[in-house]
């Protein structure tokens, strides 16, 4: 978290969006690669479900395709080339009266 004094008597705070929202980065979801694999074999449009729901809906495909279903904070989410997990890609900027 960075705190700076801005002009006009304001303080600026920059922090990861997941911290502002209080998101649990241990939650598991389908990664971009998992979604790509699933979409080749099903007609469902949306797979943005927690890992348990993906496994419940597609138990055989999960095993057959070896889906990772990584944690949100994992570098493997949203894709294998991501420098940080999906949650770490977004930042929040807060302005407050100093």
Protein backbone atom coordinates (compact mmCIF):
# COMPACT_ATOMS: atom_id res chain seq x y z
CA UNK A 1 0.00 0.00 0.00
CA UNK A 2 1.31 3.43 -0.96
CA UNK A 3 0.14 6.60 0.79
CA UNK A 4 1.04 9.98 -0.70
CA UNK A 5 -0.02 13.52 -0.01
CA UNK A 6 -1.75 15.05 -3.01
CA UNK A 7 -2.41 18.71 -3.78
CA UNK A 8 -5.39 20.47 -2.22
CA UNK A 9 -5.18 18.77 1.17
CA UNK A 10 -5.93 15.28 -0.14
CA UNK A 11 -4.12 12.05 0.64
CA UNK A 12 -3.85 9.42 -2.03
CA UNK A 13 -3.73 5.73 -1.15
CA UNK A 14 -2.99 3.02 -3.73
CA UNK A 15 -3.68 -0.60 -2.87
CA UNK A 16 -4.53 -3.86 -4.61
CA UNK A 17 -8.25 -4.06 -5.40
CA UNK A 18 -8.54 -7.47 -3.73
CA UNK A 19 -7.44 -5.88 -0.43
CA UNK A 20 -10.07 -3.16 -0.72
CA UNK A 21 -12.77 -5.76 -1.42
CA UNK A 22 -11.49 -8.23 1.17
CA UNK A 23 -11.37 -11.01 -1.44
CA UNK A 24 -10.13 -14.44 -0.35
CA UNK A 25 -7.30 -15.27 -2.78
CA UNK A 26 -7.45 -18.93 -1.72
CA UNK A 27 -10.79 -19.35 -3.55
CA UNK A 28 -10.36 -21.70 -6.50
CA UNK A 29 -11.84 -21.05 -9.94
CA UNK A 30 -11.27 -22.25 -13.47
CA UNK A 31 -8.18 -20.65 -15.02
CA UNK A 32 -8.20 -19.23 -18.56
CA UNK A 33 -6.67 -22.49 -19.80
CA UNK A 34 -9.31 -24.53 -17.94
CA UNK A 35 -12.10 -22.43 -19.47
CA UNK A 36 -10.65 -22.81 -22.95
CA UNK A 37 -10.52 -26.61 -22.56
CA UNK A 38 -14.06 -26.85 -21.18
CA UNK A 39 -15.56 -24.69 -23.94
CA UNK A 40 -14.26 -27.09 -26.58
CA UNK A 41 -16.38 -29.91 -25.12
CA UNK A 42 -19.53 -28.25 -23.78
CA UNK A 43 -22.15 -25.77 -24.93
CA UNK A 44 -22.15 -23.75 -21.70
CA UNK A 45 -21.22 -20.10 -22.21
CA UNK A 46 -20.13 -19.24 -18.68
CA UNK A 47 -17.74 -21.18 -16.46
CA UNK A 48 -16.93 -18.44 -13.94
CA UNK A 49 -17.90 -20.69 -11.06
CA UNK A 50 -15.99 -21.74 -7.96
CA UNK A 51 -13.98 -24.95 -8.41
CA UNK A 52 -16.56 -27.05 -6.55
CA UNK A 53 -19.31 -25.99 -8.94
CA UNK A 54 -17.15 -26.68 -12.02
CA UNK A 55 -16.37 -30.16 -10.64
CA UNK A 56 -20.05 -30.79 -9.85
CA UNK A 57 -21.22 -29.78 -13.34
CA UNK A 58 -18.44 -31.52 -15.28
CA UNK A 59 -16.89 -34.27 -13.11
CA UNK A 60 -15.67 -36.43 -15.98
CA UNK A 61 -14.24 -33.54 -18.01
CA UNK A 62 -12.42 -32.18 -14.95
CA UNK A 63 -10.61 -35.49 -14.55
CA UNK A 64 -10.18 -36.18 -18.25
CA UNK A 65 -8.80 -32.72 -19.05
CA UNK A 66 -6.76 -32.45 -15.84
CA UNK A 67 -8.17 -29.04 -14.97
CA UNK A 68 -6.01 -27.03 -12.54
CA UNK A 69 -8.72 -24.88 -10.94
CA UNK A 70 -6.01 -22.73 -9.26
CA UNK A 71 -6.44 -20.21 -6.45
CA UNK A 72 -7.33 -16.65 -7.48
CA UNK A 73 -3.97 -15.47 -6.16
CA UNK A 74 -2.08 -17.99 -8.25
CA UNK A 75 0.28 -16.86 -11.04
CA UNK A 76 -1.48 -19.45 -13.25
CA UNK A 77 -4.65 -17.39 -13.24
CA UNK A 78 -5.85 -15.94 -15.65
CA UNK A 79 -3.25 -17.51 -17.95
CA UNK A 80 0.06 -19.31 -17.87
CA UNK A 81 1.99 -16.17 -18.83
CA UNK A 82 0.56 -13.88 -16.16
CA UNK A 83 3.14 -12.23 -13.92
CA UNK A 84 0.72 -12.27 -10.99
CA UNK A 85 -2.62 -13.81 -10.24
CA UNK A 86 -5.74 -12.22 -11.68
CA UNK A 87 -6.56 -10.48 -8.40
CA UNK A 88 -3.17 -8.77 -8.35
CA UNK A 89 -3.64 -7.17 -11.77
CA UNK A 90 -6.08 -4.50 -10.55
CA UNK A 91 -5.28 -1.54 -8.28
CA UNK A 92 -7.53 0.86 -6.39
CA UNK A 93 -6.79 4.53 -5.77
CA UNK A 94 -8.47 6.24 -2.81
CA UNK A 95 -8.53 10.00 -2.30
CA UNK A 96 -9.31 11.30 1.19
CA UNK A 97 -9.30 14.70 2.80
CA UNK A 98 -6.09 14.95 4.80
